[in-house]
Amino acid sequence: MKSLKLFILALGLFTINVSAANLNPVKPTDELRIEIVELIGTNYMNEMKADEHGAAVLFTVNNNKEIIILSVDSDDDLLESYLKRKLNYKKVNHRPSKHGEIYLLPVKMVKQL
């Protein structure tokens, strides 16, 4: 009985590792990137303390054509919350080519002088 439980646990962990290894984000299309830039806007630039901030946004687009933010990786916590607020569950004119396709978009915010 113990060996059966151990086998099931090992099989579950193996399945999780294999499915996590298939996470290969792709670059969004130019049209999707342009829509995202318009959604982000320039309001954050007024709050910037440094001249430049960067982030890596990991997201997907669901069947309702809504952006679902999976993670935002940035050193600036305000930028993270700003990007999540501006992008999460916003509609776009993009239908993913594959169900569950994950995109990685590098974002660079530069303060205009």
C-alpha atoms as a PDB file:
ATOM      1  CA  MET A   1       0.000   0.000   0.000  1.00  0.00           C
ATOM      2  CA  LYS A   2       2.855   2.400   0.825  1.00  0.00           C
ATOM      3  CA  SER A   3       4.568   1.657  -2.465  1.00  0.00           C
ATOM      4  CA  LEU A   4       1.357   2.455  -4.342  1.00  0.00           C
ATOM      5  CA  LYS A   5       1.064   5.845  -2.601  1.00  0.00           C
ATOM      6  CA  LEU A   6       4.737   6.558  -3.294  1.00  0.00           C
ATOM      7  CA  PHE A   7       4.280   5.614  -6.959  1.00  0.00           C
ATOM      8  CA  ILE A   8       1.254   7.917  -7.314  1.00  0.00           C
ATOM      9  CA  LEU A   9       3.135  10.780  -5.656  1.00  0.00           C
ATOM     10  CA  ALA A  10       6.149  10.257  -7.922  1.00  0.00           C
ATOM     11  CA  LEU A  11       3.924  10.117 -11.008  1.00  0.00           C
ATOM     12  CA  GLY A  12       2.186  13.350  -9.961  1.00  0.00           C
ATOM     13  CA  LEU A  13       5.486  15.169  -9.454  1.00  0.00           C
ATOM     14  CA  PHE A  14       6.783  13.898 -12.789  1.00  0.00           C
ATOM     15  CA  THR A  15       3.643  15.148 -14.561  1.00  0.00           C
ATOM     16  CA  ILE A  16       3.963  18.588 -12.963  1.00  0.00           C
ATOM     17  CA  ASN A  17       7.631  18.852 -13.979  1.00  0.00           C
ATOM     18  CA  VAL A  18       6.936  17.830 -17.564  1.00  0.00           C
ATOM     19  CA  SER A  19       4.070  20.300 -17.943  1.00  0.00           C
ATOM     20  CA  ALA A  20       6.129  23.134 -16.412  1.00  0.00           C
ATOM     21  CA  ALA A  21       8.986  22.408 -18.816  1.00  0.00           C
ATOM     22  CA  ASN A  22       6.683  23.134 -21.777  1.00  0.00           C
ATOM     23  CA  LEU A  23       6.356  26.798 -20.769  1.00  0.00           C
ATOM     24  CA  ASN A  24       8.055  28.480 -23.712  1.00  0.00           C
ATOM     25  CA  PRO A  25       6.739  32.023 -24.062  1.00  0.00           C
ATOM     26  CA  VAL A  26       6.695  33.583 -27.513  1.00  0.00           C
ATOM     27  CA  LYS A  27       6.949  37.194 -28.668  1.00  0.00           C
ATOM     28  CA  PRO A  28       3.591  38.843 -29.299  1.00  0.00           C
ATOM     29  CA  THR A  29       2.730  39.909 -32.832  1.00  0.00           C
ATOM     30  CA  ASP A  30       3.360  43.514 -33.830  1.00  0.00           C
ATOM     31  CA  GLU A  31      -0.382  44.242 -33.838  1.00  0.00           C
ATOM     32  CA  LEU A  32      -0.803  42.877 -30.307  1.00  0.00           C
ATOM     33  CA  ARG A  33       2.265  44.781 -29.097  1.00  0.00           C
ATOM     34  CA  ILE A  34       0.886  48.048 -30.512  1.00  0.00           C
ATOM     35  CA  GLU A  35      -2.458  47.465 -28.752  1.00  0.00           C
ATOM     36  CA  ILE A  36      -0.659  46.796 -25.463  1.00  0.00           C
ATOM     37  CA  VAL A  37       1.427  49.964 -25.794  1.00  0.00           C
ATOM     38  CA  GLU A  38      -1.788  51.952 -26.283  1.00  0.00           C
ATOM     39  CA  LEU A  39      -3.334  50.304 -23.200  1.00  0.00           C
ATOM     40  CA  ILE A  40      -0.278  51.083 -21.064  1.00  0.00           C
ATOM     41  CA  GLY A  41      -0.339  54.772 -21.961  1.00  0.00           C
ATOM     42  CA  THR A  42       2.061  57.404 -20.646  1.00  0.00           C
ATOM     43  CA  ASN A  43       0.557  58.262 -17.237  1.00  0.00           C
ATOM     44  CA  TYR A  44       3.254  56.339 -15.372  1.00  0.00           C
ATOM     45  CA  MET A  45       5.962  58.609 -16.768  1.00  0.00           C
ATOM     46  CA  ASN A  46       4.832  61.445 -14.477  1.00  0.00           C
ATOM     47  CA  GLU A  47       5.398  59.248 -11.390  1.00  0.00           C
ATOM     48  CA  MET A  48       8.828  57.972 -12.449  1.00  0.00           C
ATOM     49  CA  LYS A  49      11.722  58.709 -10.141  1.00  0.00           C
ATOM     50  CA  ALA A  50      14.447  57.245 -12.361  1.00  0.00           C
ATOM     51  CA  ASP A  51      14.910  58.089 -16.032  1.00  0.00           C
ATOM     52  CA  GLU A  52      14.237  54.525 -17.133  1.00  0.00           C
ATOM     53  CA  HIS A  53      12.340  51.484 -15.838  1.00  0.00           C
ATOM     54  CA  GLY A  54      12.024  48.027 -17.316  1.00  0.00           C
ATOM     55  CA  ALA A  55       9.806  45.004 -16.833  1.00  0.00           C
ATOM     56  CA  ALA A  56       9.110  41.625 -18.372  1.00  0.00           C
ATOM     57  CA  VAL A  57       5.393  40.898 -18.697  1.00  0.00           C
ATOM     58  CA  LEU A  58       4.282  37.276 -19.025  1.00  0.00           C
ATOM     59  CA  PHE A  59       0.674  36.999 -20.220  1.00  0.00           C
ATOM     60  CA  THR A  60      -1.841  35.021 -22.229  1.00  0.00           C
ATOM     61  CA  VAL A  61      -4.987  35.915 -24.169  1.00  0.00           C
ATOM     62  CA  ASN A  62      -8.159  34.007 -23.290  1.00  0.00           C
ATOM     63  CA  ASN A  63     -11.095  33.020 -25.530  1.00  0.00           C
ATOM     64  CA  ASN A  64     -12.827  36.338 -24.794  1.00  0.00           C
ATOM     65  CA  LYS A  65      -9.791  38.174 -26.258  1.00  0.00           C
ATOM     66  CA  GLU A  66      -8.817  39.471 -22.799  1.00  0.00           C
ATOM     67  CA  ILE A  67      -5.222  39.811 -21.644  1.00  0.00           C
ATOM     68  CA  ILE A  68      -4.517  37.703 -18.554  1.00  0.00           C
ATOM     69  CA  ILE A  69      -1.339  38.790 -16.738  1.00  0.00           C
ATOM     70  CA  LEU A  70       0.579  35.819 -15.385  1.00  0.00           C
ATOM     71  CA  SER A  71       3.512  37.758 -13.946  1.00  0.00           C
ATOM     72  CA  VAL A  72       5.355  41.056 -14.118  1.00  0.00           C
ATOM     73  CA  ASP A  73       9.056  40.968 -13.325  1.00  0.00           C
ATOM     74  CA  SER A  74      10.464  44.379 -12.408  1.00  0.00           C
ATOM     75  CA  ASP A  75      12.580  46.010  -9.729  1.00  0.00           C
ATOM     76  CA  ASP A  76       9.980  48.771  -9.375  1.00  0.00           C
ATOM     77  CA  ASP A  77       6.900  47.651  -7.405  1.00  0.00           C
ATOM     78  CA  LEU A  78       4.908  50.685  -8.590  1.00  0.00           C
ATOM     79  CA  LEU A  79       5.572  49.769 -12.211  1.00  0.00           C
ATOM     80  CA  GLU A  80       4.455  46.186 -11.565  1.00  0.00           C
ATOM     81  CA  SER A  81       1.136  47.281 -10.086  1.00  0.00           C
ATOM     82  CA  TYR A  82       0.688  49.920 -12.823  1.00  0.00           C
ATOM     83  CA  LEU A  83       1.153  47.358 -15.606  1.00  0.00           C
ATOM     84  CA  LYS A  84      -1.157  44.846 -13.935  1.00  0.00           C
ATOM     85  CA  ARG A  85      -3.831  47.498 -13.451  1.00  0.00           C
ATOM     86  CA  LYS A  86      -3.555  48.759 -17.038  1.00  0.00           C
ATOM     87  CA  LEU A  87      -3.437  45.378 -18.794  1.00  0.00           C
ATOM     88  CA  ASN A  88      -5.171  42.664 -16.781  1.00  0.00           C
ATOM     89  CA  TYR A  89      -8.535  41.624 -18.314  1.00  0.00           C
ATOM     90  CA  LYS A  90      -8.401  44.326 -21.001  1.00  0.00           C
ATOM     91  CA  LYS A  91      -9.847  43.391 -24.401  1.00  0.00           C
ATOM     92  CA  VAL A  92      -7.640  43.219 -27.500  1.00  0.00           C
ATOM     93  CA  ASN A  93      -8.262  42.311 -31.142  1.00  0.00           C
ATOM     94  CA  HIS A  94      -6.064  39.220 -31.030  1.00  0.00           C
ATOM     95  CA  ARG A  95      -7.038  35.575 -31.197  1.00  0.00           C
ATOM     96  CA  PRO A  96      -4.203  33.254 -30.103  1.00  0.00           C
ATOM     97  CA  SER A  97      -3.036  30.728 -32.680  1.00  0.00           C
ATOM     98  CA  LYS A  98      -2.875  28.007 -29.999  1.00  0.00           C
ATOM     99  CA  HIS A  99      -5.035  27.596 -26.898  1.00  0.00           C
ATOM    100  CA  GLY A 100      -3.059  28.640 -23.821  1.00  0.00           C
ATOM    101  CA  GLU A 101      -0.278  30.347 -25.777  1.00  0.00           C
ATOM    102  CA  ILE A 102       1.927  32.365 -23.414  1.00  0.00           C
ATOM    103  CA  TYR A 103       3.606  35.598 -24.467  1.00  0.00           C
ATOM    104  CA  LEU A 104       6.619  37.418 -23.041  1.00  0.00           C
ATOM    105  CA  LEU A 105       6.738  41.161 -23.635  1.00  0.00           C
ATOM    106  CA  PRO A 106       9.703  43.236 -22.461  1.00  0.00           C
ATOM    107  CA  VAL A 107       8.541  46.717 -21.455  1.00  0.00           C
ATOM    108  CA  LYS A 108      10.854  49.709 -21.230  1.00  0.00           C
ATOM    109  CA  MET A 109       9.530  52.973 -19.809  1.00  0.00           C
ATOM    110  CA  VAL A 110      11.730  56.000 -20.548  1.00  0.00           C
ATOM    111  CA  LYS A 111      11.127  59.401 -18.981  1.00  0.00           C
ATOM    112  CA  GLN A 112      10.791  62.191 -21.524  1.00  0.00           C
ATOM    113  CA  LEU A 113      12.686  65.357 -20.649  1.00  0.00           C
END
